[in-house]
Amino acid sequence: MKVTRETEKAVYFLTGHGERSIRDESRNGYSQAAEAIKNENYLVRELNLVRRLAGGQGIPDSCSVLVIDRPLANFFPTELDTIGAFLNNGGKALVLLDPDHPQDLADFLAVYKLRIGQDLVLDASGVGQLFGAGPAMPLITNYDKDLAITKDFGVMTFYPNTCSVTPMEDKGGYEIKEILKTTDNSWAETDLSKPEASFDEGEDLQGPVCIAALVTKTSGEKKMSLAVFGDSDFASNGYWKNQGNADIFLNTINYLAEEEDLISIRPKDIDDRRVTLTQADVKTLFYLVVIAIPLIVIIAGVVFYIRRGK
């Protein structure tokens, strides 16, 4: 792949707004995602856009995909203008949000005809509970089968604490695909102050609820692509190995980078799980397995033999 590519493609993760770190190895970090992207033969870089703009520069020309991963603080207007110009010039971006996303970013995405909900998507179907997940972690099996990202994708994915990502009726010339949708027994809860959540007609969004969408637009030889997910936890270290979470994330990166030949469901890594025993543990295990269990079997055999003899 490195030999056949004309240029080495780079994935840039935006920083400076409280985003998840690609160096963070905790449950909330993105170190495993960054390492997986490197294994797909991309360069992985961090980008502080404010510093670049202060130096009279913008998004690097080497940026194949710009990742905006769960920002907590508002952007400077010049940052959003620069990102917009990057997209309108045929750029590719992946935006990962959470229910508490900054409003200015939601307003920015509205330009691309996506309505980002100030809500929490709940799934009352009970499917997620079978896998130890509550209603606030929708389990997704409903994918766009015509989209390269999810074509022939038959693996479940989990999205803890996701907001809705709804395409507007007026597409404004953009082509919008719904990548992921929840079940019929789900809804987007808008009133998060209630002690118990319930669907309210006219206020909440009835399922199936779209929680990830792809926006594209071709202008001449340039094609902009913008993928938006209502959840960022699904690709964090804590959920990276959950079913198809890693695959859906990497497939999206490969699609945006125009490397569709790399889209697949990857084999799971074999974990090296070792049991560390102290000296006391070894002695206990020895007495239990070598002495206690055989002795119990012998005693039970003798008792059974005596009873049968009587």
Protein backbone atom coordinates (compact mmCIF):
# COMPACT_ATOMS: atom_id res chain seq x y z
CA MET A 1 0.00 0.00 0.00
CA LYS A 2 2.79 2.43 0.82
CA VAL A 3 4.45 1.67 -2.52
CA THR A 4 1.30 2.05 -4.64
CA ARG A 5 0.09 5.27 -3.02
CA GLU A 6 1.28 8.42 -4.76
CA THR A 7 1.31 10.33 -1.47
CA GLU A 8 1.28 9.39 2.20
CA LYS A 9 -2.13 10.30 3.58
CA ALA A 10 -2.52 11.94 6.97
CA VAL A 11 -5.39 12.03 9.48
CA TYR A 12 -5.38 15.16 11.66
CA PHE A 13 -7.13 15.27 15.06
CA LEU A 14 -8.19 18.77 16.06
CA THR A 15 -7.08 19.96 19.53
CA GLY A 16 -7.59 23.00 21.75
CA HIS A 17 -11.28 22.60 22.65
CA GLY A 18 -11.13 19.77 25.21
CA GLU A 19 -11.15 17.01 22.59
CA ARG A 20 -10.24 13.44 23.46
CA SER A 21 -6.50 12.87 23.17
CA ILE A 22 -4.94 10.33 20.81
CA ARG A 23 -2.18 9.96 23.41
CA ASP A 24 -4.56 9.15 26.27
CA GLU A 25 -4.47 5.41 27.11
CA SER A 26 -7.31 5.57 29.65
CA ARG A 27 -10.86 4.39 28.93
CA ASN A 28 -11.79 7.85 27.68
CA GLY A 29 -8.76 8.26 25.41
CA TYR A 30 -8.35 7.60 21.70
CA SER A 31 -4.93 5.95 21.73
CA GLN A 32 -6.24 2.64 20.34
CA ALA A 33 -8.10 4.41 17.54
CA ALA A 34 -4.97 6.37 16.62
CA GLU A 35 -2.86 3.20 16.61
CA ALA A 36 -5.42 1.41 14.44
CA ILE A 37 -5.36 4.28 11.93
CA LYS A 38 -1.56 4.03 11.79
CA ASN A 39 -1.90 0.30 11.13
CA GLU A 40 -4.01 1.22 8.07
CA ASN A 41 -0.88 3.04 6.81
CA TYR A 42 -1.92 6.62 7.52
CA LEU A 43 0.04 9.29 9.29
CA VAL A 44 -1.71 10.49 12.46
CA ARG A 45 -1.18 14.06 13.60
CA GLU A 46 -2.65 16.55 16.08
CA LEU A 47 -3.72 19.98 14.84
CA ASN A 48 -4.15 23.12 16.92
CA LEU A 49 -5.88 25.30 14.37
CA VAL A 50 -5.65 28.50 16.43
CA ARG A 51 -1.85 28.30 16.44
CA ARG A 52 -1.83 27.64 12.69
CA LEU A 53 -4.08 30.62 12.05
CA ALA A 54 -1.95 32.82 14.31
CA GLY A 55 1.02 31.94 12.11
CA GLY A 56 -0.85 32.85 8.97
CA GLN A 57 -1.54 29.24 8.01
CA GLY A 58 -4.64 27.05 7.81
CA ILE A 59 -5.38 23.35 7.64
CA PRO A 60 -2.31 21.57 6.19
CA ASP A 61 -2.45 20.54 2.53
CA SER A 62 -1.43 17.03 3.65
CA CYS A 63 -4.69 16.62 5.62
CA SER A 64 -6.69 13.78 4.05
CA VAL A 65 -9.21 13.61 6.90
CA LEU A 66 -9.85 16.14 9.67
CA VAL A 67 -11.26 14.59 12.86
CA ILE A 68 -13.17 16.80 15.29
CA ASP A 69 -13.57 14.59 18.32
CA ARG A 70 -15.97 15.65 21.11
CA PRO A 71 -15.04 19.32 21.56
CA LEU A 72 -16.21 20.76 24.87
CA ALA A 73 -15.52 24.46 24.29
CA ASN A 74 -16.74 26.82 21.61
CA PHE A 75 -14.69 27.51 18.49
CA PHE A 76 -13.38 30.85 17.36
CA PRO A 77 -15.35 32.09 14.33
CA THR A 78 -12.17 32.06 12.24
CA GLU A 79 -11.70 28.37 13.04
CA LEU A 80 -15.16 27.45 11.79
CA ASP A 81 -14.66 29.63 8.72
CA THR A 82 -11.40 27.81 7.98
CA ILE A 83 -12.99 24.38 8.45
CA GLY A 84 -15.88 25.44 6.21
CA ALA A 85 -13.49 26.60 3.50
CA PHE A 86 -11.59 23.32 3.81
CA LEU A 87 -14.79 21.33 3.28
CA ASN A 88 -16.09 23.53 0.47
CA ASN A 89 -12.77 23.05 -1.31
CA GLY A 90 -13.26 19.28 -1.40
CA GLY A 91 -12.02 18.45 2.11
CA LYS A 92 -13.05 15.46 4.22
CA ALA A 93 -14.01 15.61 7.89
CA LEU A 94 -15.29 13.33 10.64
CA VAL A 95 -17.16 14.99 13.51
CA LEU A 96 -17.83 13.01 16.70
CA LEU A 97 -20.22 14.62 19.17
CA ASP A 98 -21.97 13.95 22.47
CA PRO A 99 -25.31 15.21 23.84
CA ASP A 100 -23.53 18.14 25.58
CA HIS A 101 -21.92 19.42 22.36
CA PRO A 102 -21.18 23.14 21.87
CA GLN A 103 -24.04 24.97 20.17
CA ASP A 104 -21.77 26.83 17.76
CA LEU A 105 -20.66 23.54 16.23
CA ALA A 106 -24.28 22.45 15.87
CA ASP A 107 -25.01 25.73 14.11
CA PHE A 108 -22.02 25.14 11.83
CA LEU A 109 -23.28 21.66 10.90
CA ALA A 110 -26.72 23.10 10.16
CA VAL A 111 -25.11 24.80 7.14
CA TYR A 112 -24.61 21.28 5.78
CA LYS A 113 -28.28 20.50 6.42
CA LEU A 114 -27.84 18.40 9.56
CA ARG A 115 -29.91 19.08 12.67
CA ILE A 116 -27.91 18.12 15.78
CA GLY A 117 -30.28 17.48 18.65
CA GLN A 118 -29.87 18.76 22.19
CA ASP A 119 -31.15 15.39 23.32
CA LEU A 120 -30.26 11.88 24.46
CA VAL A 121 -31.29 8.90 22.34
CA LEU A 122 -32.87 6.11 24.39
CA ASP A 123 -33.68 2.58 23.24
CA ALA A 124 -36.52 0.85 25.12
CA SER A 125 -36.46 -2.31 22.97
CA GLY A 126 -34.47 -4.18 25.62
CA VAL A 127 -31.98 -5.51 23.06
CA GLY A 128 -29.07 -3.66 24.63
CA GLN A 129 -29.87 -5.07 28.08
CA LEU A 130 -29.06 -8.54 26.76
CA PHE A 131 -25.46 -7.36 26.42
CA GLY A 132 -25.26 -5.50 29.71
CA ALA A 133 -26.15 -2.11 28.19
CA GLY A 134 -28.89 0.21 29.41
CA PRO A 135 -31.40 2.18 27.33
CA ALA A 136 -28.91 5.06 27.01
CA MET A 137 -26.60 2.81 24.96
CA PRO A 138 -28.47 1.98 21.74
CA LEU A 139 -27.41 -1.22 20.04
CA ILE A 140 -27.39 -0.68 16.27
CA THR A 141 -28.04 -3.29 13.59
CA ASN A 142 -29.82 -0.93 11.14
CA TYR A 143 -27.28 0.31 8.58
CA ASP A 144 -27.41 1.86 5.11
CA LYS A 145 -26.65 -1.20 2.98
CA ASP A 146 -26.00 0.92 -0.14
CA LEU A 147 -23.24 2.95 1.49
CA ALA A 148 -19.67 1.68 1.17
CA ILE A 149 -19.02 2.29 4.89
CA THR A 150 -21.71 -0.17 5.98
CA LYS A 151 -22.22 -2.36 2.92
CA ASP A 152 -22.40 -6.03 4.00
CA PHE A 153 -21.89 -4.81 7.58
CA GLY A 154 -23.66 -7.35 9.78
CA VAL A 155 -21.95 -6.65 13.09
CA MET A 156 -23.63 -4.93 16.04
CA THR A 157 -22.30 -1.58 17.26
CA PHE A 158 -22.90 0.28 20.55
CA TYR A 159 -23.23 4.04 21.11
CA PRO A 160 -23.20 5.19 24.76
CA ASN A 161 -24.91 8.55 25.32
CA THR A 162 -25.61 9.66 21.76
CA CYS A 163 -27.59 12.59 20.43
CA SER A 164 -29.67 12.62 17.26
CA VAL A 165 -28.23 13.62 13.88
CA THR A 166 -31.19 14.36 11.61
CA PRO A 167 -30.97 15.32 7.91
CA MET A 168 -33.11 18.36 7.11
CA GLU A 169 -35.90 18.15 4.56
CA ASP A 170 -34.27 20.88 2.49
CA LYS A 171 -30.96 19.29 1.50
CA GLY A 172 -29.66 22.47 -0.12
CA GLY A 173 -27.92 20.59 -2.92
CA TYR A 174 -26.15 18.18 -0.57
CA GLU A 175 -26.52 14.41 -0.76
CA ILE A 176 -27.17 13.06 2.74
CA LYS A 177 -27.07 9.39 3.77
CA GLU A 178 -28.23 8.07 7.14
CA ILE A 179 -25.41 5.75 8.20
CA LEU A 180 -26.97 4.46 11.44
CA LYS A 181 -30.52 4.33 12.78
CA THR A 182 -31.92 3.02 16.05
CA THR A 183 -34.89 0.66 16.46
CA ASP A 184 -38.59 1.57 16.29
CA ASN A 185 -38.77 1.37 20.11
CA SER A 186 -36.43 4.31 20.60
CA TRP A 187 -36.72 8.07 20.85
CA ALA A 188 -34.61 11.18 21.38
CA GLU A 189 -35.36 12.53 24.86
CA THR A 190 -35.24 16.34 24.99
CA ASP A 191 -36.09 16.93 28.66
CA LEU A 192 -33.12 15.52 30.56
CA SER A 193 -34.21 17.05 33.87
CA LYS A 194 -37.01 14.50 34.42
CA PRO A 195 -36.29 11.75 36.99
CA GLU A 196 -37.78 9.16 34.63
CA ALA A 197 -37.58 9.33 30.85
CA SER A 198 -40.66 8.74 28.72
CA PHE A 199 -41.66 9.58 25.19
CA ASP A 200 -43.58 12.87 24.92
CA GLU A 201 -45.50 13.36 21.70
CA GLY A 202 -44.65 16.64 20.01
CA GLU A 203 -41.51 17.18 22.07
CA ASP A 204 -39.34 14.09 21.58
CA LEU A 205 -38.21 12.58 18.28
CA GLN A 206 -39.81 9.19 17.66
CA GLY A 207 -37.59 6.33 16.48
CA PRO A 208 -36.02 5.06 14.37
CA VAL A 209 -33.60 7.88 15.15
CA CYS A 210 -30.63 8.68 12.92
CA ILE A 211 -27.45 9.02 15.00
CA ALA A 212 -24.86 9.21 12.20
CA ALA A 213 -25.03 10.75 8.75
CA LEU A 214 -22.81 11.36 5.74
CA VAL A 215 -23.00 14.60 3.74
CA THR A 216 -21.38 14.81 0.31
CA LYS A 217 -21.37 17.33 -2.53
CA THR A 218 -19.46 17.26 -5.80
CA SER A 219 -18.33 20.46 -7.47
CA GLY A 220 -16.34 19.86 -10.63
CA GLU A 221 -13.55 17.44 -9.78
CA LYS A 222 -13.79 18.15 -6.07
CA LYS A 223 -15.99 16.22 -3.68
CA MET A 224 -16.51 17.27 -0.08
CA SER A 225 -17.42 14.58 2.45
CA LEU A 226 -18.57 15.15 6.02
CA ALA A 227 -19.43 12.30 8.38
CA VAL A 228 -21.12 13.19 11.68
CA PHE A 229 -21.75 10.83 14.63
CA GLY A 230 -23.88 11.81 17.61
CA ASP A 231 -21.55 9.86 19.93
CA SER A 232 -17.81 9.87 20.50
CA ASP A 233 -17.55 7.21 23.21
CA PHE A 234 -18.02 4.32 20.79
CA ALA A 235 -14.48 4.76 19.42
CA SER A 236 -12.81 5.44 22.78
CA ASN A 237 -10.50 2.90 24.38
CA GLY A 238 -13.25 1.71 26.73
CA TYR A 239 -15.56 0.65 23.88
CA TRP A 240 -13.08 0.13 21.04
CA LYS A 241 -13.32 -3.67 21.08
CA ASN A 242 -17.11 -3.83 21.51
CA GLN A 243 -18.43 -5.84 18.56
CA GLY A 244 -18.08 -3.72 15.39
CA ASN A 245 -17.23 -0.34 16.96
CA ALA A 246 -13.65 -0.32 15.68
CA ASP A 247 -14.75 -1.43 12.21
CA ILE A 248 -17.36 1.30 11.77
CA PHE A 249 -14.86 3.96 12.84
CA LEU A 250 -12.05 2.73 10.58
CA ASN A 251 -14.44 2.17 7.67
CA THR A 252 -15.53 5.80 7.97
CA ILE A 253 -11.91 7.01 8.01
CA ASN A 254 -11.09 4.90 4.94
CA TYR A 255 -14.16 6.11 3.08
CA LEU A 256 -13.37 9.75 3.78
CA ALA A 257 -9.74 9.22 2.76
CA GLU A 258 -10.99 7.66 -0.49
CA GLU A 259 -9.46 4.30 0.35
CA GLU A 260 -12.62 2.21 -0.05
CA ASP A 261 -10.58 -0.92 -0.81
CA LEU A 262 -9.59 -0.94 2.88
CA ILE A 263 -13.19 -1.06 4.12
CA SER A 264 -13.88 -4.40 5.81
CA ILE A 265 -14.78 -6.18 9.02
CA ARG A 266 -11.44 -6.89 10.61
CA PRO A 267 -10.52 -10.01 12.61
CA LYS A 268 -10.40 -9.49 16.35
CA ASP A 269 -7.04 -9.35 18.04
CA ILE A 270 -6.16 -12.21 20.38
CA ASP A 271 -5.67 -10.84 23.87
CA ASP A 272 -2.75 -12.02 25.99
CA ARG A 273 -4.58 -12.68 29.25
CA ARG A 274 -2.34 -13.96 32.03
CA VAL A 275 -3.12 -14.98 35.58
CA THR A 276 -0.60 -13.79 38.16
CA LEU A 277 -0.51 -15.92 41.30
CA THR A 278 1.19 -15.22 44.61
CA GLN A 279 2.97 -17.94 46.57
CA ALA A 280 -0.08 -18.23 48.83
CA ASP A 281 -2.33 -18.61 45.79
CA VAL A 282 -0.12 -21.42 44.47
CA LYS A 283 -0.27 -23.27 47.79
CA THR A 284 -4.04 -22.89 48.00
CA LEU A 285 -4.44 -24.13 44.43
CA PHE A 286 -2.13 -27.10 45.18
CA TYR A 287 -4.06 -28.19 48.29
CA LEU A 288 -7.40 -27.73 46.53
CA VAL A 289 -6.62 -29.49 43.24
CA VAL A 290 -4.04 -32.07 44.27
CA ILE A 291 -5.31 -33.02 47.75
CA ALA A 292 -8.83 -31.78 48.57
CA ILE A 293 -10.70 -32.66 45.36
CA PRO A 294 -9.18 -36.17 44.96
CA LEU A 295 -9.79 -36.84 48.67
CA ILE A 296 -13.46 -35.84 48.32
CA VAL A 297 -13.83 -38.15 45.32
CA ILE A 298 -12.23 -41.05 47.24
CA ILE A 299 -14.44 -40.50 50.31
CA ALA A 300 -17.56 -40.27 48.14
CA GLY A 301 -16.55 -43.51 46.39
CA VAL A 302 -16.02 -45.35 49.68
CA VAL A 303 -19.39 -44.14 51.05
CA PHE A 304 -21.15 -45.17 47.86
CA TYR A 305 -19.44 -48.60 47.95
CA ILE A 306 -20.43 -49.22 51.58
CA ARG A 307 -24.05 -48.22 50.95
CA ARG A 308 -24.28 -50.51 47.94
CA GLY A 309 -22.78 -53.35 50.00
CA LYS A 310 -25.53 -52.98 52.57
